[in-house]
Amino acid sequence: MINYKRNVIKLSYKLIDLTLICLAIYIACLLRPGTLGFKVTPLSIFFLPDNPFRAIFIFWIVTTLLLLNTKQLYQTRREILEGYELNLVIRQVFLSGLIVIGPIYVLKLHDFPRSVLILGTVFNMVLLCTWRVLKRILVGYLVSKGYNNFNTLIIGAGKVGVALEREISRIPQMGIKVKGFLDDYKIGQVNGKKGLEVLGKLADFKTIAKKEFINKVFITIHSDYQAFNRLLIEARELNIAIRVIPQGFELISSEYEKYNIGIIPIIEYSNEVPLRVQLGKRLFDFIISITGTIILLPFFLGLSLAVRLDSPGPVFYVSRRYGRMGKVFGMYKFRSMYLGADKMQDNMTGKNEADGPIFKIRQDPRITKTGRFLRKYSLDELPQIINVLKGDMSLVGPRPLPIEQIEKEDLRQLERLEVRPGITGLWQIRGRSDLSFRRLLRWDLWYINNWSFWLDLNILLRTLPVVIKGKGAY
């Protein structure tokens, strides 16, 4: 029954993609009708024989569907990042456009309009990505309401197991319900959380898995080779999926290669980010920042006027921050405080509501009326696009802290300075000022060790709703 539902879902996804691909090609032809030599209608493009390019269009459709299928894009993979899925779609659609060029030259269809090929590829990317974003929203909503959820056990109630449970509970859209833990050395409640406890030892796996109707198991400990093998065998007998958290996962870089030596699978991790990747991230930052500056220019001018009219002083506030490799730079912000606010801070140390070297007060009397609005929705951070264009910052990265605050902290800060600081990051999408400094530091280090383009894209996509809600900002 489950396999039947999966096949129906896959077929539905393929039919939707087929419809959207045809629509993309049709729109491209509608925009360039004079280059085709026949009247553009849905029938003439895909069915009527008077279209000399009909075979190319059909080949293009089939190739795109096959390439998308090779990347398992016709199933709902809840655990992967949204940005990663969209990245796969864009790459496969671009590749299908390149492949289509082959038969065009083989069949000597030199009059096939290149503009239709380019426009069709672009519209394919837009439509297929938009559909998958909407699909994720719908599936996330249904799953969060209890539809098609999975019961899971976590093997190991240590730090990694507790962190995994916290992440799972933070993302209800994955539809994973942690029924409990198995651990040979711990009993009772885990991390003081009601309803979450160690259900037994590893030897009790089969009994507990049947009793709790377990669908998936996460293994977070690696100390006992025989126990690990026994779990794999018993899970296979019960048709339960096993997922393993890599040992020392927080230190593993996202750059890795998979290959085989004979029949032995190998995963090679590397801490060095290739130069082409660094240049790609910089180019991505530059293009998005230029585009954003052009689009938001009228908005910038309006905010600048509001700051200027609200209180005397400059529109921008320049804060000295540590950048990559300890380089000091001036970070731009819309001024949100009255003049002389920095000098007043020494007399307000006892009112600090943040831990670590960060200084934050929810009802800070130094903030102007306009400044309070700007801070609530993080609009005071917009001028940092200038820092991105100058190369001092990136769109996504560890948040740069004021020099005076960092110098009070220990050498753990040095690891955060290995990359360019960012306008947004994991700190911003996971609570902002509501997070402790210790957790901020931990997320920054995790980001550095696990950076990828799709992680950046995922953070950017999730920043907007967090900013709109204004949660954790003051």
Protein backbone atom coordinates (compact mmCIF):
# COMPACT_ATOMS: atom_id res chain seq x y z
CA MET A 1 0.00 0.00 0.00
CA ILE A 2 2.85 2.38 0.92
CA ASN A 3 4.70 1.63 -2.32
CA TYR A 4 1.48 2.23 -4.27
CA LYS A 5 1.07 5.68 -2.67
CA ARG A 6 4.69 6.52 -3.40
CA ASN A 7 4.30 5.55 -7.05
CA VAL A 8 1.15 7.65 -7.35
CA ILE A 9 2.94 10.66 -5.81
CA LYS A 10 5.94 10.21 -8.13
CA LEU A 11 3.66 9.98 -11.16
CA SER A 12 1.78 13.11 -10.06
CA TYR A 13 5.05 15.04 -9.66
CA LYS A 14 6.18 13.94 -13.11
CA LEU A 15 2.89 15.02 -14.70
CA ILE A 16 3.16 18.43 -13.02
CA ASP A 17 6.76 18.81 -14.25
CA LEU A 18 5.70 17.71 -17.74
CA THR A 19 2.96 20.35 -17.79
CA LEU A 20 5.32 23.09 -16.55
CA ILE A 21 8.09 22.20 -19.01
CA CYS A 22 5.61 22.35 -21.90
CA LEU A 23 4.32 25.67 -20.56
CA ALA A 24 7.85 27.07 -20.34
CA ILE A 25 8.60 26.14 -23.96
CA TYR A 26 5.23 27.51 -25.08
CA ILE A 27 5.86 30.85 -23.33
CA ALA A 28 9.33 31.06 -24.89
CA CYS A 29 7.81 30.47 -28.35
CA LEU A 30 5.07 33.05 -27.72
CA LEU A 31 7.72 35.67 -26.92
CA ARG A 32 9.69 34.92 -30.11
CA PRO A 33 7.03 33.89 -32.70
CA GLY A 34 8.75 35.59 -35.62
CA THR A 35 11.82 33.33 -35.32
CA LEU A 36 9.92 30.03 -35.70
CA GLY A 37 8.23 30.30 -39.10
CA PHE A 38 4.85 28.87 -38.04
CA LYS A 39 1.83 30.00 -36.02
CA VAL A 40 2.49 29.37 -32.34
CA THR A 41 -0.19 27.30 -30.62
CA PRO A 42 0.12 24.43 -28.12
CA LEU A 43 -0.89 21.99 -30.88
CA SER A 44 1.57 23.33 -33.44
CA ILE A 45 4.52 23.21 -31.02
CA PHE A 46 4.14 19.63 -29.84
CA PHE A 47 1.82 17.79 -32.23
CA LEU A 48 1.36 19.25 -35.73
CA PRO A 49 3.76 18.03 -38.43
CA ASP A 50 4.20 21.50 -40.01
CA ASN A 51 6.48 22.39 -37.09
CA PRO A 52 10.06 21.53 -38.21
CA PHE A 53 11.29 21.71 -34.61
CA ARG A 54 8.68 19.40 -33.08
CA ALA A 55 11.17 16.54 -32.53
CA ILE A 56 13.59 18.92 -30.78
CA PHE A 57 10.89 20.16 -28.41
CA ILE A 58 9.85 16.60 -27.52
CA PHE A 59 13.50 15.57 -27.04
CA TRP A 60 14.00 18.60 -24.80
CA ILE A 61 11.00 17.65 -22.64
CA VAL A 62 12.04 14.00 -22.28
CA THR A 63 15.67 14.90 -21.52
CA THR A 64 14.67 17.35 -18.79
CA LEU A 65 12.36 14.80 -17.14
CA LEU A 66 15.03 12.08 -17.23
CA LEU A 67 17.72 14.35 -15.78
CA LEU A 68 15.44 15.47 -12.96
CA ASN A 69 14.61 11.83 -12.24
CA THR A 70 18.31 10.91 -11.92
CA LYS A 71 18.59 13.28 -8.95
CA GLN A 72 15.56 11.78 -7.17
CA LEU A 73 13.55 14.96 -7.64
CA TYR A 74 10.25 13.09 -7.94
CA GLN A 75 9.89 12.29 -4.28
CA THR A 76 9.44 14.48 -1.20
CA ARG A 77 12.81 14.44 0.54
CA ARG A 78 11.94 16.36 3.68
CA GLU A 79 15.36 16.26 5.31
CA ILE A 80 17.32 18.00 2.55
CA LEU A 81 17.63 21.79 2.51
CA GLU A 82 15.31 23.77 0.23
CA GLY A 83 18.29 25.49 -1.35
CA TYR A 84 19.94 22.16 -2.16
CA GLU A 85 16.84 20.90 -3.99
CA LEU A 86 16.51 24.12 -5.99
CA ASN A 87 20.21 23.94 -6.83
CA LEU A 88 19.71 20.44 -8.25
CA VAL A 89 16.72 21.57 -10.32
CA ILE A 90 18.62 24.53 -11.82
CA ARG A 91 21.66 22.39 -12.66
CA GLN A 92 19.62 19.64 -14.33
CA VAL A 93 17.53 22.12 -16.35
CA PHE A 94 20.68 23.94 -17.48
CA LEU A 95 22.26 20.61 -18.45
CA SER A 96 19.19 19.60 -20.47
CA GLY A 97 19.45 22.89 -22.40
CA LEU A 98 23.08 22.10 -23.25
CA ILE A 99 22.22 18.55 -24.32
CA VAL A 100 19.51 19.81 -26.70
CA ILE A 101 22.17 21.73 -28.62
CA GLY A 102 23.62 18.37 -29.79
CA PRO A 103 20.69 17.10 -31.91
CA ILE A 104 20.11 20.63 -33.24
CA TYR A 105 23.53 20.51 -34.91
CA VAL A 106 23.34 16.81 -35.80
CA LEU A 107 20.01 17.37 -37.62
CA LYS A 108 21.44 20.60 -39.12
CA LEU A 109 18.56 22.70 -37.81
CA HIS A 110 20.65 25.87 -38.03
CA ASP A 111 17.55 28.05 -38.12
CA PHE A 112 16.40 26.84 -34.69
CA PRO A 113 16.14 30.08 -32.67
CA ARG A 114 18.71 30.28 -29.89
CA SER A 115 16.53 32.85 -28.09
CA VAL A 116 13.78 30.21 -27.69
CA LEU A 117 16.30 27.76 -26.21
CA ILE A 118 17.62 30.35 -23.74
CA LEU A 119 14.19 31.67 -22.75
CA GLY A 120 12.77 28.15 -22.44
CA THR A 121 15.63 27.13 -20.14
CA VAL A 122 15.12 30.20 -17.95
CA PHE A 123 11.34 29.69 -17.73
CA ASN A 124 11.90 26.01 -16.94
CA MET A 125 14.13 26.98 -14.02
CA VAL A 126 11.63 29.54 -12.71
CA LEU A 127 8.52 27.37 -13.04
CA LEU A 128 10.06 24.14 -11.75
CA CYS A 129 11.69 25.89 -8.77
CA THR A 130 8.51 27.83 -7.94
CA TRP A 131 6.45 24.64 -8.02
CA ARG A 132 8.87 22.90 -5.67
CA VAL A 133 8.84 25.78 -3.21
CA LEU A 134 5.02 25.67 -3.16
CA LYS A 135 5.11 21.88 -2.82
CA ARG A 136 7.42 22.15 0.19
CA ILE A 137 5.13 24.70 1.84
CA LEU A 138 2.09 22.45 1.33
CA VAL A 139 3.87 19.25 2.43
CA GLY A 140 5.39 21.05 5.41
CA TYR A 141 1.96 22.23 6.51
CA LEU A 142 0.37 18.76 6.15
CA VAL A 143 3.25 17.04 7.93
CA SER A 144 3.23 19.55 10.80
CA LYS A 145 -0.46 18.65 11.26
CA GLY A 146 0.42 14.97 11.64
CA TYR A 147 0.06 13.64 8.07
CA ASN A 148 2.47 10.83 7.15
CA ASN A 149 4.73 11.26 10.19
CA PHE A 150 7.51 8.81 11.09
CA ASN A 151 8.33 7.41 14.52
CA THR A 152 12.01 7.29 15.33
CA LEU A 153 14.44 6.11 17.98
CA ILE A 154 17.76 7.81 18.71
CA ILE A 155 20.58 5.47 19.71
CA GLY A 156 22.66 7.32 22.26
CA ALA A 157 21.42 9.91 24.77
CA GLY A 158 24.66 11.89 24.86
CA LYS A 159 25.35 15.40 23.57
CA VAL A 160 24.98 14.44 19.91
CA GLY A 161 21.72 12.56 20.51
CA VAL A 162 20.24 15.43 22.51
CA ALA A 163 21.32 17.97 19.85
CA LEU A 164 19.75 15.80 17.14
CA GLU A 165 16.44 15.60 19.01
CA ARG A 166 16.47 19.37 19.48
CA GLU A 167 16.96 19.93 15.74
CA ILE A 168 14.21 17.44 14.84
CA SER A 169 11.72 19.09 17.20
CA ARG A 170 12.65 22.52 15.81
CA ILE A 171 11.62 21.47 12.29
CA PRO A 172 8.14 19.85 12.53
CA GLN A 173 7.86 19.96 8.72
CA MET A 174 10.12 16.90 8.56
CA GLY A 175 7.38 14.85 10.22
CA ILE A 176 9.75 12.94 12.50
CA LYS A 177 8.50 12.07 15.99
CA VAL A 178 11.18 11.03 18.46
CA LYS A 179 9.65 8.31 20.61
CA GLY A 180 12.70 8.09 22.86
CA PHE A 181 16.33 7.00 23.23
CA LEU A 182 18.23 3.76 23.66
CA ASP A 183 21.37 3.95 25.78
CA ASP A 184 23.33 1.38 27.78
CA TYR A 185 24.56 3.89 30.37
CA LYS A 186 21.67 6.32 30.97
CA ILE A 187 18.13 6.05 32.33
CA GLY A 188 15.14 8.31 32.91
CA GLN A 189 14.33 11.63 31.29
CA VAL A 190 16.72 13.10 28.75
CA ASN A 191 17.82 16.68 29.24
CA GLY A 192 14.94 17.23 31.69
CA LYS A 193 12.38 17.16 28.88
CA LYS A 194 9.00 15.74 29.86
CA GLY A 195 7.84 12.82 27.72
CA LEU A 196 11.33 12.21 26.35
CA GLU A 197 13.29 9.45 28.06
CA VAL A 198 15.60 6.50 27.65
CA LEU A 199 13.28 3.60 26.81
CA GLY A 200 15.86 0.86 27.32
CA LYS A 201 19.24 -0.51 26.35
CA LEU A 202 20.53 -1.35 22.87
CA ALA A 203 19.74 -5.04 23.48
CA ASP A 204 16.05 -4.08 23.79
CA PHE A 205 15.95 -2.61 20.27
CA LYS A 206 13.68 -5.20 18.59
CA THR A 207 11.12 -5.21 21.41
CA ILE A 208 10.92 -1.43 21.70
CA ALA A 209 10.93 -0.89 17.91
CA LYS A 210 7.87 -3.15 17.57
CA LYS A 211 6.12 -1.64 20.58
CA GLU A 212 6.61 1.98 19.42
CA PHE A 213 6.01 1.27 15.69
CA ILE A 214 9.41 2.68 14.74
CA ASN A 215 10.06 3.62 11.09
CA LYS A 216 13.55 5.14 11.33
CA VAL A 217 16.53 4.91 13.66
CA PHE A 218 19.34 7.43 14.15
CA ILE A 219 22.64 6.10 15.50
CA THR A 220 24.75 8.74 17.24
CA ILE A 221 27.32 6.53 19.05
CA HIS A 222 30.12 4.47 17.54
CA SER A 223 31.94 2.89 20.47
CA ASP A 224 30.72 -0.71 20.12
CA TYR A 225 31.29 -2.33 16.72
CA GLN A 226 29.38 -5.51 17.56
CA ALA A 227 26.36 -3.59 18.89
CA PHE A 228 26.38 -1.45 15.74
CA ASN A 229 26.33 -4.52 13.47
CA ARG A 230 23.57 -6.13 15.54
CA LEU A 231 21.43 -3.00 15.18
CA LEU A 232 21.90 -3.03 11.41
CA ILE A 233 20.85 -6.69 11.17
CA GLU A 234 17.83 -6.32 13.46
CA ALA A 235 16.67 -3.14 11.70
CA ARG A 236 16.88 -4.89 8.33
CA GLU A 237 14.73 -7.74 9.67
CA LEU A 238 12.10 -5.21 10.81
CA ASN A 239 12.35 -3.20 7.57
CA ILE A 240 13.45 -0.09 9.51
CA ALA A 241 15.70 2.54 7.93
CA ILE A 242 19.00 3.20 9.73
CA ARG A 243 20.70 6.60 9.59
CA VAL A 244 24.11 7.20 11.08
CA ILE A 245 25.49 10.50 12.39
CA PRO A 246 29.21 10.73 11.45
CA GLN A 247 31.57 10.61 14.39
CA GLY A 248 32.90 14.11 15.10
CA PHE A 249 30.29 15.57 12.73
CA GLU A 250 30.72 19.12 14.07
CA LEU A 251 34.35 19.16 12.87
CA ILE A 252 33.66 17.79 9.39
CA SER A 253 33.80 20.20 6.46
CA SER A 254 31.08 20.17 3.83
CA GLU A 255 33.71 19.58 1.14
CA TYR A 256 33.89 15.84 0.60
CA GLU A 257 34.30 13.24 -2.10
CA LYS A 258 32.76 9.76 -2.33
CA TYR A 259 34.57 6.96 -4.13
CA ASN A 260 35.45 3.28 -3.85
CA ILE A 261 38.66 1.36 -3.37
CA GLY A 262 37.60 -1.97 -4.82
CA ILE A 263 34.37 -2.84 -3.02
CA ILE A 264 35.08 -0.54 -0.06
CA PRO A 265 33.15 2.81 -0.06
CA ILE A 266 35.29 5.79 0.99
CA ILE A 267 34.28 9.29 2.09
CA GLU A 268 37.12 11.81 2.05
CA TYR A 269 36.61 15.04 4.00
CA SER A 270 38.64 18.16 3.36
CA ASN A 271 38.90 21.35 5.39
CA GLU A 272 40.25 23.37 2.46
CA VAL A 273 37.68 25.26 0.40
CA PRO A 274 38.76 25.28 -3.29
CA LEU A 275 39.62 28.67 -4.82
CA ARG A 276 36.88 28.29 -7.45
CA VAL A 277 34.33 27.90 -4.65
CA GLN A 278 35.61 31.00 -2.83
CA LEU A 279 35.43 33.00 -6.08
CA GLY A 280 31.95 31.60 -6.76
CA LYS A 281 30.71 32.75 -3.34
CA ARG A 282 32.22 36.20 -3.88
CA LEU A 283 30.65 36.50 -7.35
CA PHE A 284 27.28 35.39 -5.96
CA ASP A 285 27.51 38.02 -3.19
CA PHE A 286 28.46 40.75 -5.66
CA ILE A 287 25.64 40.01 -8.15
CA ILE A 288 22.94 39.76 -5.46
CA SER A 289 24.19 42.93 -3.75
CA ILE A 290 24.25 44.96 -6.98
CA THR A 291 20.75 43.74 -7.87
CA GLY A 292 19.48 44.43 -4.35
CA THR A 293 20.96 47.93 -4.31
CA ILE A 294 19.23 48.85 -7.58
CA ILE A 295 15.86 47.44 -6.50
CA LEU A 296 15.96 48.87 -2.97
CA LEU A 297 17.41 52.31 -3.82
CA PRO A 298 14.07 54.19 -3.41
CA PHE A 299 13.52 52.34 -0.10
CA PHE A 300 17.05 53.31 1.03
CA LEU A 301 16.33 56.96 0.30
CA GLY A 302 13.04 56.83 2.25
CA LEU A 303 14.72 55.26 5.31
CA SER A 304 17.57 57.77 5.10
CA LEU A 305 15.08 60.64 5.17
CA ALA A 306 13.23 59.09 8.15
CA VAL A 307 16.49 58.76 10.14
CA ARG A 308 17.50 62.33 9.37
CA LEU A 309 14.11 63.84 10.31
CA ASP A 310 13.78 61.85 13.55
CA SER A 311 16.90 63.15 15.33
CA PRO A 312 19.97 65.28 14.57
CA GLY A 313 23.06 63.48 13.30
CA PRO A 314 24.34 61.51 10.31
CA VAL A 315 22.19 58.99 8.44
CA PHE A 316 24.77 56.20 8.77
CA TYR A 317 26.52 54.85 11.83
CA VAL A 318 29.93 53.28 11.16
CA SER A 319 30.96 50.60 13.65
CA ARG A 320 34.52 49.24 13.77
CA ARG A 321 34.46 45.44 13.43
CA TYR A 322 36.90 42.59 12.95
CA GLY A 323 36.66 41.03 9.49
CA ARG A 324 38.35 38.09 7.83
CA MET A 325 41.79 37.28 9.23
CA GLY A 326 41.38 40.02 11.83
CA LYS A 327 41.21 42.90 9.34
CA VAL A 328 39.42 45.89 10.89
CA PHE A 329 36.72 47.53 8.76
CA GLY A 330 33.91 50.03 9.19
CA MET A 331 30.49 48.33 9.12
CA TYR A 332 27.66 50.56 7.88
CA LYS A 333 24.25 50.74 9.57
CA PHE A 334 21.37 53.17 9.53
CA ARG A 335 21.81 55.22 12.71
CA SER A 336 19.26 53.96 15.26
CA MET A 337 20.52 55.80 18.37
CA TYR A 338 20.91 59.39 19.50
CA LEU A 339 24.30 61.05 19.12
CA GLY A 340 26.69 60.22 21.96
CA ALA A 341 25.11 56.81 22.62
CA ASP A 342 28.52 55.08 22.69
CA LYS A 343 29.73 57.27 25.56
CA MET A 344 26.61 56.45 27.58
CA GLN A 345 27.22 52.69 27.45
CA ASP A 346 29.85 52.67 30.21
CA ASN A 347 27.23 53.90 32.67
CA MET A 348 24.74 51.20 31.62
CA THR A 349 26.89 48.06 31.98
CA GLY A 350 24.78 46.72 34.85
CA LYS A 351 21.64 46.80 32.70
CA ASN A 352 23.02 44.44 30.03
CA GLU A 353 20.52 41.64 29.23
CA ALA A 354 22.81 39.59 26.96
CA ASP A 355 25.53 37.16 28.01
CA GLY A 356 29.12 37.00 26.82
CA PRO A 357 30.69 40.08 25.27
CA ILE A 358 27.43 41.25 23.63
CA PHE A 359 25.71 44.36 25.02
CA LYS A 360 21.92 44.45 24.55
CA ILE A 361 19.01 46.10 26.40
CA ARG A 362 15.42 45.49 25.33
CA GLN A 363 14.22 48.98 26.29
CA ASP A 364 17.43 50.87 25.52
CA PRO A 365 16.76 54.61 26.14
CA ARG A 366 19.43 55.55 23.61
CA ILE A 367 17.38 54.23 20.67
CA THR A 368 15.35 56.74 18.64
CA LYS A 369 11.70 56.16 17.63
CA THR A 370 12.73 55.45 14.03
CA GLY A 371 15.63 53.37 15.29
CA ARG A 372 13.32 51.11 17.28
CA PHE A 373 11.35 50.36 14.12
CA LEU A 374 14.53 49.82 12.10
CA ARG A 375 15.93 47.41 14.67
CA LYS A 376 12.66 45.51 15.05
CA TYR A 377 12.76 44.49 11.39
CA SER A 378 16.57 44.61 10.97
CA LEU A 379 16.29 47.45 8.44
CA ASP A 380 19.24 49.19 10.10
CA GLU A 381 21.43 46.40 8.65
CA LEU A 382 20.59 47.13 4.98
CA PRO A 383 23.55 49.49 4.34
CA GLN A 384 25.86 46.53 4.90
CA ILE A 385 25.23 45.73 1.24
CA ILE A 386 27.92 48.40 0.72
CA ASN A 387 30.31 46.32 2.85
CA VAL A 388 29.51 43.27 0.71
CA LEU A 389 30.29 45.20 -2.48
CA LYS A 390 33.59 46.40 -0.97
CA GLY A 391 34.53 42.81 -0.04
CA ASP A 392 34.56 43.37 3.73
CA MET A 393 31.51 41.16 4.28
CA SER A 394 29.49 38.37 2.69
CA LEU A 395 25.71 37.99 2.46
CA VAL A 396 25.89 34.94 4.75
CA GLY A 397 28.47 34.30 7.43
CA PRO A 398 29.30 34.70 11.14
CA ARG A 399 27.97 37.97 12.52
CA PRO A 400 30.75 40.56 13.07
CA LEU A 401 30.83 41.83 16.65
CA PRO A 402 32.19 45.23 17.81
CA ILE A 403 35.94 45.24 18.48
CA GLU A 404 35.48 46.43 22.06
CA GLN A 405 33.19 43.48 22.79
CA ILE A 406 35.35 40.85 21.08
CA GLU A 407 38.50 41.91 22.96
CA LYS A 408 36.74 40.93 26.20
CA GLU A 409 36.24 37.38 24.92
CA ASP A 410 38.72 34.49 24.66
CA LEU A 411 40.61 33.01 21.70
CA ARG A 412 37.57 31.06 20.46
CA GLN A 413 36.78 34.20 18.47
CA LEU A 414 39.77 33.54 16.21
CA GLU A 415 37.96 30.63 14.51
CA ARG A 416 35.08 32.97 13.57
CA LEU A 417 37.57 35.25 11.81
CA GLU A 418 38.67 32.61 9.27
CA VAL A 419 35.89 33.69 6.86
CA ARG A 420 34.21 36.93 5.86
CA PRO A 421 31.50 37.97 8.32
CA GLY A 422 27.93 38.05 7.02
CA ILE A 423 24.81 40.20 7.03
CA THR A 424 22.79 37.15 8.02
CA GLY A 425 23.61 33.68 9.30
CA LEU A 426 22.42 30.79 11.45
CA TRP A 427 22.26 33.12 14.46
CA GLN A 428 19.70 35.35 12.73
CA ILE A 429 17.36 32.53 11.67
CA ARG A 430 17.55 30.66 14.99
CA GLY A 431 16.59 33.34 17.50
CA ARG A 432 18.87 36.35 17.03
CA SER A 433 19.26 38.27 20.31
CA ASP A 434 17.27 35.61 22.21
CA LEU A 435 20.18 33.16 21.77
CA SER A 436 23.03 32.90 24.27
CA PHE A 437 26.50 33.94 23.16
CA ARG A 438 27.72 30.37 23.67
CA ARG A 439 25.12 29.05 21.24
CA LEU A 440 25.85 31.88 18.78
CA LEU A 441 29.51 30.86 18.79
CA ARG A 442 28.64 27.20 18.30
CA TRP A 443 26.41 27.91 15.29
CA ASP A 444 29.03 30.15 13.71
CA LEU A 445 31.68 27.43 13.99
CA TRP A 446 29.27 24.83 12.62
CA TYR A 447 28.56 27.10 9.64
CA ILE A 448 32.29 27.52 8.93
CA ASN A 449 32.87 23.76 9.02
CA ASN A 450 29.79 22.90 6.95
CA TRP A 451 29.56 25.73 4.43
CA SER A 452 28.00 25.11 1.03
CA PHE A 453 26.18 27.17 -1.62
CA TRP A 454 22.86 25.52 -0.85
CA LEU A 455 23.34 26.18 2.88
CA ASP A 456 23.82 29.89 2.05
CA LEU A 457 20.76 29.84 -0.19
CA ASN A 458 18.71 28.11 2.50
CA ILE A 459 19.74 30.69 5.13
CA LEU A 460 18.87 33.57 2.78
CA LEU A 461 15.44 32.08 2.03
CA ARG A 462 14.71 31.61 5.73
CA THR A 463 15.97 35.06 6.76
CA LEU A 464 13.11 36.98 5.16
CA PRO A 465 10.23 35.43 7.20
CA VAL A 466 12.30 35.76 10.41
CA VAL A 467 12.90 39.46 9.69
CA ILE A 468 9.22 40.08 8.87
CA LYS A 469 8.16 38.53 12.20
CA GLY A 470 10.71 40.67 14.03
CA LYS A 471 11.38 37.86 16.51
CA GLY A 472 14.39 38.22 18.79
CA ALA A 473 15.35 41.70 17.51
CA TYR A 474 15.84 44.67 19.81
